[in-house]
Amino acid sequence: MTQAALDDCARSDYRNADKELNKVYQALLQKIQGDLAATESLKNSERAWLIFRDAQMKALHPNFDKEGSASPMCASSEAAELTLQRVKMLQQMLDTKEGDVCAYSNQ
């Protein structure tokens, strides 16, 4: 497989992770619809996470322009992994179980 093909595959993985993130985020917003405090808190959390993601990517690749030909593949793979971690966090908030006193609550 060529480096260009590997880059494309990694970009596709990241796009798919980002689509999943948006799907779960929208579902969570729908779940808390009508609760302005919960909605604002979730939006603030997502904004903060985006800042963290971008800072983490910069920390992983502080000299991206000077790195080798595999850099785009590595960056896309790492961004996908960070995004999937966020998906998991949001999914846990979405899938709260009744009776779990420590679970996410918008009440």
Protein backbone atom coordinates (compact mmCIF):
# COMPACT_ATOMS: atom_id res chain seq x y z
CA MET A 1 0.00 0.00 0.00
CA THR A 2 1.30 3.46 -0.85
CA GLN A 3 1.68 6.25 1.68
CA ALA A 4 -1.07 8.17 -0.11
CA ALA A 5 -3.41 5.21 0.32
CA LEU A 6 -2.49 4.91 3.98
CA ASP A 7 -3.13 8.65 4.40
CA ASP A 8 -6.55 8.28 2.75
CA CYS A 9 -7.43 5.36 5.01
CA ALA A 10 -6.46 7.27 8.15
CA ARG A 11 -8.41 10.35 7.00
CA SER A 12 -11.43 8.14 6.39
CA ASP A 13 -11.13 6.68 9.89
CA TYR A 14 -11.03 10.20 11.33
CA ARG A 15 -14.03 11.33 9.26
CA ASN A 16 -16.00 8.30 10.44
CA ALA A 17 -15.08 8.97 14.07
CA ASP A 18 -16.11 12.61 13.66
CA LYS A 19 -19.46 11.57 12.16
CA GLU A 20 -20.03 9.25 15.12
CA LEU A 21 -19.13 12.03 17.53
CA ASN A 22 -21.63 14.37 15.91
CA LYS A 23 -24.32 11.69 15.95
CA VAL A 24 -23.88 10.95 19.67
CA TYR A 25 -23.55 14.66 20.54
CA GLN A 26 -26.81 15.46 18.73
CA ALA A 27 -28.56 12.54 20.44
CA LEU A 28 -27.38 13.79 23.81
CA LEU A 29 -28.56 17.32 23.01
CA GLN A 30 -31.92 15.85 22.07
CA LYS A 31 -32.06 13.92 25.36
CA ILE A 32 -31.54 17.06 27.42
CA GLN A 33 -33.65 19.31 25.22
CA GLY A 34 -35.54 21.79 27.33
CA ASP A 35 -32.99 21.85 30.15
CA LEU A 36 -31.11 25.05 29.44
CA ALA A 37 -28.48 24.53 32.16
CA ALA A 38 -27.67 21.00 30.95
CA THR A 39 -27.59 22.13 27.32
CA GLU A 40 -25.26 25.04 28.06
CA SER A 41 -23.00 22.83 30.19
CA LEU A 42 -22.77 20.21 27.45
CA LYS A 43 -21.98 22.83 24.82
CA ASN A 44 -19.30 24.34 27.06
CA SER A 45 -17.85 20.88 27.62
CA GLU A 46 -17.74 20.21 23.89
CA ARG A 47 -16.07 23.56 23.19
CA ALA A 48 -13.46 22.80 25.86
CA TRP A 49 -12.90 19.33 24.44
CA LEU A 50 -12.31 20.79 20.96
CA ILE A 51 -9.70 23.14 22.42
CA PHE A 52 -8.10 20.18 24.22
CA ARG A 53 -8.13 18.08 21.04
CA ASP A 54 -6.43 20.80 19.04
CA ALA A 55 -3.85 21.44 21.78
CA GLN A 56 -3.16 17.71 22.10
CA MET A 57 -2.63 17.40 18.36
CA LYS A 58 -0.22 20.34 18.48
CA ALA A 59 1.61 18.72 21.41
CA LEU A 60 1.90 15.46 19.47
CA HIS A 61 3.11 17.25 16.33
CA PRO A 62 4.68 20.59 17.31
CA ASN A 63 6.68 20.70 14.08
CA PHE A 64 4.17 19.08 11.76
CA ASP A 65 5.46 20.87 8.65
CA LYS A 66 8.95 19.47 9.25
CA GLU A 67 7.89 15.89 9.98
CA GLY A 68 8.12 13.05 7.50
CA SER A 69 5.76 11.80 4.83
CA ALA A 70 3.84 9.64 7.31
CA SER A 71 2.81 12.67 9.39
CA PRO A 72 -0.63 13.12 7.81
CA MET A 73 -1.44 9.46 8.42
CA CYS A 74 -0.24 9.63 12.02
CA ALA A 75 -2.11 12.86 12.73
CA SER A 76 -5.36 11.51 11.27
CA SER A 77 -5.02 8.29 13.25
CA GLU A 78 -4.35 10.17 16.46
CA ALA A 79 -7.24 12.58 15.84
CA ALA A 80 -9.51 9.60 15.22
CA GLU A 81 -8.43 8.00 18.50
CA LEU A 82 -9.03 11.20 20.48
CA THR A 83 -12.42 11.56 18.83
CA LEU A 84 -13.41 7.99 19.64
CA GLN A 85 -12.45 8.60 23.26
CA ARG A 86 -14.82 11.58 23.28
CA VAL A 87 -17.54 9.48 21.64
CA LYS A 88 -17.19 7.00 24.48
CA MET A 89 -17.56 9.77 27.09
CA LEU A 90 -20.67 11.17 25.45
CA GLN A 91 -22.12 7.71 24.86
CA GLN A 92 -21.81 6.97 28.57
CA MET A 93 -23.75 10.15 29.30
CA LEU A 94 -26.38 9.15 26.76
CA ASP A 95 -26.73 5.59 28.05
CA THR A 96 -27.34 6.33 31.72
CA LYS A 97 -29.06 3.56 33.62
CA GLU A 98 -31.86 4.21 36.08
CA GLY A 99 -30.64 3.73 39.63
CA ASP A 100 -27.00 4.56 38.86
CA VAL A 101 -26.52 7.35 41.37
CA CYS A 102 -23.18 8.38 39.88
CA ALA A 103 -24.34 8.51 36.26
CA TYR A 104 -24.82 11.70 34.26
CA SER A 105 -27.87 13.59 35.32
CA ASN A 106 -29.34 16.71 33.80
CA GLN A 107 -31.67 17.20 36.77
